[in-house]
Amino acid sequence: MVLNKERLGGYYRLSAYYLSKAITELLLSLVLPFIFFTIIYWMSGINPSFSVYTQMLAMNFLAVIIAQVMIITNLN
């Protein structure tokens, strides 16, 4: 309702809204898993190598992004 009101008022384009929404949600979707994964990884003592940590963190980020895409496009 607010989006339609602001769009009809000419405050900003629809593409600007969706771009800012996507960037904001992506940042939030990556920060929270980063914090959670970092705590769990180092507490569990899987492999204390930093290179293994970064590889597993990258896989975690990919899983989060794929989950976001599946939720958005309803491919469940």
PDB file of N, CA and C in Angstrom:
ATOM      1  N   MET A   1       0.836  -1.189   0.000  1.00  0.00           N
ATOM      2  CA  MET A   1       0.000   0.000   0.000  1.00  0.00           C
ATOM      3  C   MET A   1       0.885   1.259   0.000  1.00  0.00           C
ATOM      4  N   VAL A   2       1.886   1.271   0.869  1.00  0.00           N
ATOM      5  CA  VAL A   2       2.783   2.420   0.930  1.00  0.00           C
ATOM      6  C   VAL A   2       3.592   2.529  -0.359  1.00  0.00           C
ATOM      7  N   LEU A   3       4.038   1.382  -0.875  1.00  0.00           N
ATOM      8  CA  LEU A   3       4.816   1.375  -2.113  1.00  0.00           C
ATOM      9  C   LEU A   3       4.002   1.958  -3.264  1.00  0.00           C
ATOM     10  N   ASN A   4       2.765   1.535  -3.413  1.00  0.00           N
ATOM     11  CA  ASN A   4       1.926   2.060  -4.489  1.00  0.00           C
ATOM     12  C   ASN A   4       1.690   3.556  -4.331  1.00  0.00           C
ATOM     13  N   LYS A   5       1.466   4.002  -3.110  1.00  0.00           N
ATOM     14  CA  LYS A   5       1.236   5.428  -2.862  1.00  0.00           C
ATOM     15  C   LYS A   5       2.467   6.254  -3.237  1.00  0.00           C
ATOM     16  N   GLU A   6       3.653   5.796  -2.836  1.00  0.00           N
ATOM     17  CA  GLU A   6       4.877   6.533  -3.147  1.00  0.00           C
ATOM     18  C   GLU A   6       5.232   6.451  -4.626  1.00  0.00           C
ATOM     19  N   ARG A   7       4.951   5.297  -5.239  1.00  0.00           N
ATOM     20  CA  ARG A   7       5.239   5.149  -6.672  1.00  0.00           C
ATOM     21  C   ARG A   7       4.322   6.050  -7.491  1.00  0.00           C
ATOM     22  N   LEU A   8       3.039   6.100  -7.147  1.00  0.00           N
ATOM     23  CA  LEU A   8       2.110   6.968  -7.865  1.00  0.00           C
ATOM     24  C   LEU A   8       2.414   8.440  -7.627  1.00  0.00           C
ATOM     25  N   GLY A   9       2.993   8.754  -6.471  1.00  0.00           N
ATOM     26  CA  GLY A   9       3.378  10.132  -6.187  1.00  0.00           C
ATOM     27  C   GLY A   9       4.635  10.564  -6.920  1.00  0.00           C
ATOM     28  N   GLY A  10       5.343   9.603  -7.526  1.00  0.00           N
ATOM     29  CA  GLY A  10       6.549   9.922  -8.283  1.00  0.00           C
ATOM     30  C   GLY A  10       7.767  10.173  -7.417  1.00  0.00           C
ATOM     31  N   TYR A  11       7.796   9.617  -6.204  1.00  0.00           N
ATOM     32  CA  TYR A  11       8.935   9.834  -5.314  1.00  0.00           C
ATOM     33  C   TYR A  11      10.184   9.112  -5.799  1.00  0.00           C
ATOM     34  N   TYR A  12      10.023   7.926  -6.307  1.00  0.00           N
ATOM     35  CA  TYR A  12      11.145   7.172  -6.853  1.00  0.00           C
ATOM     36  C   TYR A  12      10.618   6.104  -7.795  1.00  0.00           C
ATOM     37  N   ARG A  13      11.530   5.572  -8.618  1.00  0.00           N
ATOM     38  CA  ARG A  13      11.138   4.526  -9.559  1.00  0.00           C
ATOM     39  C   ARG A  13      11.026   3.191  -8.837  1.00  0.00           C
ATOM     40  N   LEU A  14      10.282   2.297  -9.430  1.00  0.00           N
ATOM     41  CA  LEU A  14      10.092   0.976  -8.852  1.00  0.00           C
ATOM     42  C   LEU A  14      11.390   0.188  -8.840  1.00  0.00           C
ATOM     43  N   SER A  15      12.222   0.371  -9.866  1.00  0.00           N
ATOM     44  CA  SER A  15      13.503  -0.340  -9.912  1.00  0.00           C
ATOM     45  C   SER A  15      14.421   0.086  -8.763  1.00  0.00           C
ATOM     46  N   ALA A  16      14.386   1.351  -8.386  1.00  0.00           N
ATOM     47  CA  ALA A  16      15.197   1.822  -7.258  1.00  0.00           C
ATOM     48  C   ALA A  16      14.737   1.172  -5.964  1.00  0.00           C
ATOM     49  N   TYR A  17      13.447   1.010  -5.799  1.00  0.00           N
ATOM     50  CA  TYR A  17      12.919   0.356  -4.601  1.00  0.00           C
ATOM     51  C   TYR A  17      13.380  -1.095  -4.518  1.00  0.00           C
ATOM     52  N   TYR A  18      13.205  -1.836  -5.606  1.00  0.00           N
ATOM     53  CA  TYR A  18      13.571  -3.247  -5.581  1.00  0.00           C
ATOM     54  C   TYR A  18      15.078  -3.462  -5.474  1.00  0.00           C
ATOM     55  N   LEU A  19      15.864  -2.592  -6.068  1.00  0.00           N
ATOM     56  CA  LEU A  19      17.312  -2.700  -5.947  1.00  0.00           C
ATOM     57  C   LEU A  19      17.755  -2.466  -4.505  1.00  0.00           C
ATOM     58  N   SER A  20      17.220  -1.440  -3.871  1.00  0.00           N
ATOM     59  CA  SER A  20      17.588  -1.171  -2.472  1.00  0.00           C
ATOM     60  C   SER A  20      17.081  -2.272  -1.557  1.00  0.00           C
ATOM     61  N   LYS A  21      15.911  -2.815  -1.844  1.00  0.00           N
ATOM     62  CA  LYS A  21      15.375  -3.912  -1.038  1.00  0.00           C
ATOM     63  C   LYS A  21      16.234  -5.165  -1.177  1.00  0.00           C
ATOM     64  N   ALA A  22      16.672  -5.469  -2.385  1.00  0.00           N
ATOM     65  CA  ALA A  22      17.499  -6.648  -2.619  1.00  0.00           C
ATOM     66  C   ALA A  22      18.863  -6.514  -1.943  1.00  0.00           C
ATOM     67  N   ILE A  23      19.473  -5.340  -2.025  1.00  0.00           N
ATOM     68  CA  ILE A  23      20.771  -5.125  -1.395  1.00  0.00           C
ATOM     69  C   ILE A  23      20.661  -5.221   0.118  1.00  0.00           C
ATOM     70  N   THR A  24      19.625  -4.619   0.677  1.00  0.00           N
ATOM     71  CA  THR A  24      19.429  -4.664   2.126  1.00  0.00           C
ATOM     72  C   THR A  24      19.198  -6.081   2.607  1.00  0.00           C
ATOM     73  N   GLU A  25      18.356  -6.826   1.923  1.00  0.00           N
ATOM     74  CA  GLU A  25      18.078  -8.203   2.334  1.00  0.00           C
ATOM     75  C   GLU A  25      19.295  -9.101   2.131  1.00  0.00           C
ATOM     76  N   LEU A  26      20.057  -8.860   1.098  1.00  0.00           N
ATOM     77  CA  LEU A  26      21.256  -9.669   0.869  1.00  0.00           C
ATOM     78  C   LEU A  26      22.281  -9.447   1.973  1.00  0.00           C
ATOM     79  N   LEU A  27      22.467  -8.188   2.372  1.00  0.00           N
ATOM     80  CA  LEU A  27      23.408  -7.905   3.450  1.00  0.00           C
ATOM     81  C   LEU A  27      22.959  -8.566   4.747  1.00  0.00           C
ATOM     82  N   LEU A  28      21.673  -8.474   5.050  1.00  0.00           N
ATOM     83  CA  LEU A  28      21.162  -9.100   6.267  1.00  0.00           C
ATOM     84  C   LEU A  28      21.251 -10.614   6.177  1.00  0.00           C
ATOM     85  N   SER A  29      21.026 -11.148   4.997  1.00  0.00           N
ATOM     86  CA  SER A  29      21.089 -12.599   4.815  1.00  0.00           C
ATOM     87  C   SER A  29      22.514 -13.135   4.884  1.00  0.00           C
ATOM     88  N   LEU A  30      23.501 -12.301   4.714  1.00  0.00           N
ATOM     89  CA  LEU A  30      24.888 -12.752   4.793  1.00  0.00           C
ATOM     90  C   LEU A  30      25.534 -12.450   6.142  1.00  0.00           C
ATOM     91  N   VAL A  31      25.112 -11.393   6.805  1.00  0.00           N
ATOM     92  CA  VAL A  31      25.712 -11.031   8.091  1.00  0.00           C
ATOM     93  C   VAL A  31      25.306 -12.018   9.183  1.00  0.00           C
ATOM     94  N   LEU A  32      24.029 -12.336   9.288  1.00  0.00           N
ATOM     95  CA  LEU A  32      23.583 -13.241  10.345  1.00  0.00           C
ATOM     96  C   LEU A  32      24.166 -14.652  10.202  1.00  0.00           C
ATOM     97  N   PRO A  33      24.169 -15.262   9.001  1.00  0.00           N
ATOM     98  CA  PRO A  33      24.833 -16.564   8.879  1.00  0.00           C
ATOM     99  C   PRO A  33      26.337 -16.492   9.138  1.00  0.00           C
ATOM    100  N   PHE A  34      26.972 -15.375   8.781  1.00  0.00           N
ATOM    101  CA  PHE A  34      28.403 -15.224   9.049  1.00  0.00           C
ATOM    102  C   PHE A  34      28.681 -15.279  10.552  1.00  0.00           C
ATOM    103  N   ILE A  35      27.903 -14.547  11.334  1.00  0.00           N
ATOM    104  CA  ILE A  35      28.091 -14.541  12.784  1.00  0.00           C
ATOM    105  C   ILE A  35      27.836 -15.930  13.357  1.00  0.00           C
ATOM    106  N   PHE A  36      26.718 -16.534  12.966  1.00  0.00           N
ATOM    107  CA  PHE A  36      26.370 -17.857  13.469  1.00  0.00           C
ATOM    108  C   PHE A  36      27.424 -18.887  13.087  1.00  0.00           C
ATOM    109  N   PHE A  37      27.823 -18.905  11.812  1.00  0.00           N
ATOM    110  CA  PHE A  37      28.785 -19.892  11.336  1.00  0.00           C
ATOM    111  C   PHE A  37      30.139 -19.720  12.000  1.00  0.00           C
ATOM    112  N   THR A  38      30.570 -18.486  12.173  1.00  0.00           N
ATOM    113  CA  THR A  38      31.872 -18.241  12.787  1.00  0.00           C
ATOM    114  C   THR A  38      31.917 -18.769  14.214  1.00  0.00           C
ATOM    115  N   ILE A  39      30.876 -18.505  14.974  1.00  0.00           N
ATOM    116  CA  ILE A  39      30.833 -18.993  16.358  1.00  0.00           C
ATOM    117  C   ILE A  39      30.814 -20.517  16.396  1.00  0.00           C
ATOM    118  N   ILE A  40      29.934 -21.117  15.610  1.00  0.00           N
ATOM    119  CA  ILE A  40      29.799 -22.574  15.620  1.00  0.00           C
ATOM    120  C   ILE A  40      31.065 -23.255  15.101  1.00  0.00           C
ATOM    121  N   TYR A  41      31.669 -22.723  14.056  1.00  0.00           N
ATOM    122  CA  TYR A  41      32.855 -23.360  13.469  1.00  0.00           C
ATOM    123  C   TYR A  41      34.008 -23.409  14.462  1.00  0.00           C
ATOM    124  N   TRP A  42      34.315 -22.299  15.071  1.00  0.00           N
ATOM    125  CA  TRP A  42      35.473 -22.275  15.957  1.00  0.00           C
ATOM    126  C   TRP A  42      35.189 -22.971  17.286  1.00  0.00           C
ATOM    127  N   MET A  43      33.933 -23.008  17.736  1.00  0.00           N
ATOM    128  CA  MET A  43      33.612 -23.723  18.972  1.00  0.00           C
ATOM    129  C   MET A  43      33.643 -25.235  18.769  1.00  0.00           C
ATOM    130  N   SER A  44      33.282 -25.700  17.568  1.00  0.00           N
ATOM    131  CA  SER A  44      33.234 -27.141  17.336  1.00  0.00           C
ATOM    132  C   SER A  44      34.615 -27.744  17.099  1.00  0.00           C
ATOM    133  N   GLY A  45      35.575 -26.939  16.720  1.00  0.00           N
ATOM    134  CA  GLY A  45      36.937 -27.424  16.521  1.00  0.00           C
ATOM    135  C   GLY A  45      37.068 -28.388  15.357  1.00  0.00           C
ATOM    136  N   ILE A  46      36.345 -28.147  14.276  1.00  0.00           N
ATOM    137  CA  ILE A  46      36.362 -29.035  13.119  1.00  0.00           C
ATOM    138  C   ILE A  46      37.772 -29.129  12.540  1.00  0.00           C
ATOM    139  N   ASN A  47      38.293 -28.020  12.082  1.00  0.00           N
ATOM    140  CA  ASN A  47      39.635 -27.957  11.513  1.00  0.00           C
ATOM    141  C   ASN A  47      40.121 -26.530  11.750  1.00  0.00           C
ATOM    142  N   PRO A  48      41.127 -26.325  12.572  1.00  0.00           N
ATOM    143  CA  PRO A  48      41.522 -24.959  12.937  1.00  0.00           C
ATOM    144  C   PRO A  48      42.259 -24.193  11.838  1.00  0.00           C
ATOM    145  N   SER A  49      42.219 -24.649  10.616  1.00  0.00           N
ATOM    146  CA  SER A  49      42.883 -23.966   9.512  1.00  0.00           C
ATOM    147  C   SER A  49      41.993 -22.836   8.986  1.00  0.00           C
ATOM    148  N   PHE A  50      42.596 -21.668   8.781  1.00  0.00           N
ATOM    149  CA  PHE A  50      41.834 -20.522   8.291  1.00  0.00           C
ATOM    150  C   PHE A  50      41.368 -20.730   6.851  1.00  0.00           C
ATOM    151  N   SER A  51      42.161 -21.422   6.042  1.00  0.00           N
ATOM    152  CA  SER A  51      41.747 -21.657   4.651  1.00  0.00           C
ATOM    153  C   SER A  51      40.533 -22.576   4.584  1.00  0.00           C
ATOM    154  N   VAL A  52      40.472 -23.573   5.447  1.00  0.00           N
ATOM    155  CA  VAL A  52      39.302 -24.451   5.486  1.00  0.00           C
ATOM    156  C   VAL A  52      38.088 -23.657   5.967  1.00  0.00           C
ATOM    157  N   TYR A  53      38.297 -22.791   6.946  1.00  0.00           N
ATOM    158  CA  TYR A  53      37.208 -21.945   7.443  1.00  0.00           C
ATOM    159  C   TYR A  53      36.640 -21.073   6.330  1.00  0.00           C
ATOM    160  N   THR A  54      37.500 -20.430   5.534  1.00  0.00           N
ATOM    161  CA  THR A  54      37.008 -19.564   4.466  1.00  0.00           C
ATOM    162  C   THR A  54      36.294 -20.363   3.377  1.00  0.00           C
ATOM    163  N   GLN A  55      36.766 -21.575   3.085  1.00  0.00           N
ATOM    164  CA  GLN A  55      36.087 -22.401   2.093  1.00  0.00           C
ATOM    165  C   GLN A  55      34.703 -22.813   2.581  1.00  0.00           C
ATOM    166  N   MET A  56      34.615 -23.204   3.839  1.00  0.00           N
ATOM    167  CA  MET A  56      33.307 -23.596   4.383  1.00  0.00           C
ATOM    168  C   MET A  56      32.386 -22.398   4.517  1.00  0.00           C
ATOM    169  N   LEU A  57      32.939 -21.234   4.818  1.00  0.00           N
ATOM    170  CA  LEU A  57      32.134 -20.019   4.891  1.00  0.00           C
ATOM    171  C   LEU A  57      31.584 -19.658   3.513  1.00  0.00           C
ATOM    172  N   ALA A  58      32.395 -19.822   2.479  1.00  0.00           N
ATOM    173  CA  ALA A  58      31.935 -19.567   1.111  1.00  0.00           C
ATOM    174  C   ALA A  58      30.803 -20.524   0.731  1.00  0.00           C
ATOM    175  N   MET A  59      30.925 -21.793   1.107  1.00  0.00           N
ATOM    176  CA  MET A  59      29.846 -22.752   0.825  1.00  0.00           C
ATOM    177  C   MET A  59      28.587 -22.386   1.596  1.00  0.00           C
ATOM    178  N   ASN A  60      28.764 -21.904   2.818  1.00  0.00           N
ATOM    179  CA  ASN A  60      27.619 -21.472   3.611  1.00  0.00           C
ATOM    180  C   ASN A  60      26.924 -20.280   2.950  1.00  0.00           C
ATOM    181  N   PHE A  61      27.696 -19.312   2.464  1.00  0.00           N
ATOM    182  CA  PHE A  61      27.123 -18.166   1.769  1.00  0.00           C
ATOM    183  C   PHE A  61      26.371 -18.596   0.509  1.00  0.00           C
ATOM    184  N   LEU A  62      26.941 -19.523  -0.244  1.00  0.00           N
ATOM    185  CA  LEU A  62      26.260 -20.014  -1.442  1.00  0.00           C
ATOM    186  C   LEU A  62      24.940 -20.691  -1.087  1.00  0.00           C
ATOM    187  N   ALA A  63      24.925 -21.451  -0.009  1.00  0.00           N
ATOM    188  CA  ALA A  63      23.699 -22.118   0.424  1.00  0.00           C
ATOM    189  C   ALA A  63      22.643 -21.092   0.822  1.00  0.00           C
ATOM    190  N   VAL A  64      23.054 -20.026   1.485  1.00  0.00           N
ATOM    191  CA  VAL A  64      22.114 -18.985   1.887  1.00  0.00           C
ATOM    192  C   VAL A  64      21.546 -18.269   0.669  1.00  0.00           C
ATOM    193  N   ILE A  65      22.399 -17.951  -0.288  1.00  0.00           N
ATOM    194  CA  ILE A  65      21.931 -17.250  -1.491  1.00  0.00           C
ATOM    195  C   ILE A  65      20.989 -18.138  -2.307  1.00  0.00           C
ATOM    196  N   ILE A  66      21.313 -19.418  -2.431  1.00  0.00           N
ATOM    197  CA  ILE A  66      20.437 -20.338  -3.153  1.00  0.00           C
ATOM    198  C   ILE A  66      19.101 -20.473  -2.443  1.00  0.00           C
ATOM    199  N   ALA A  67      19.117 -20.531  -1.118  1.00  0.00           N
ATOM    200  CA  ALA A  67      17.864 -20.610  -0.364  1.00  0.00           C
ATOM    201  C   ALA A  67      17.026 -19.352  -0.571  1.00  0.00           C
ATOM    202  N   GLN A  68      17.676 -18.188  -0.610  1.00  0.00           N
ATOM    203  CA  GLN A  68      16.945 -16.948  -0.861  1.00  0.00           C
ATOM    204  C   GLN A  68      16.293 -16.965  -2.246  1.00  0.00           C
ATOM    205  N   VAL A  69      17.019 -17.427  -3.235  1.00  0.00           N
ATOM    206  CA  VAL A  69      16.481 -17.472  -4.592  1.00  0.00           C
ATOM    207  C   VAL A  69      15.303 -18.449  -4.656  1.00  0.00           C
ATOM    208  N   MET A  70      15.434 -19.588  -3.981  1.00  0.00           N
ATOM    209  CA  MET A  70      14.345 -20.570  -3.993  1.00  0.00           C
ATOM    210  C   MET A  70      13.112 -20.027  -3.293  1.00  0.00           C
ATOM    211  N   ILE A  71      13.299 -19.273  -2.238  1.00  0.00           N
ATOM    212  CA  ILE A  71      12.147 -18.680  -1.539  1.00  0.00           C
ATOM    213  C   ILE A  71      11.492 -17.634  -2.424  1.00  0.00           C
ATOM    214  N   ILE A  72      12.294 -16.818  -3.080  1.00  0.00           N
ATOM    215  CA  ILE A  72      11.740 -15.746  -3.924  1.00  0.00           C
ATOM    216  C   ILE A  72      10.987 -16.337  -5.119  1.00  0.00           C
ATOM    217  N   THR A  73      11.546 -17.347  -5.754  1.00  0.00           N
ATOM    218  CA  THR A  73      10.933 -17.875  -6.959  1.00  0.00           C
ATOM    219  C   THR A  73       9.983 -19.057  -6.706  1.00  0.00           C
ATOM    220  N   ASN A  74       9.842 -19.455  -5.449  1.00  0.00           N
ATOM    221  CA  ASN A  74       8.946 -20.565  -5.066  1.00  0.00           C
ATOM    222  C   ASN A  74       9.270 -21.862  -5.804  1.00  0.00           C
ATOM    223  N   LEU A  75      10.533 -22.241  -5.801  1.00  0.00           N
ATOM    224  CA  LEU A  75      10.940 -23.489  -6.450  1.00  0.00           C
ATOM    225  C   LEU A  75      11.011 -24.654  -5.472  1.00  0.00           C
ATOM    226  N   ASN A  76      10.486 -24.500  -4.285  1.00  0.00           N
ATOM    227  CA  ASN A  76      10.592 -25.547  -3.266  1.00  0.00           C
ATOM    228  C   ASN A  76      10.038 -26.796  -3.824  1.00  0.00           C
TER     229      ASN A  76
END
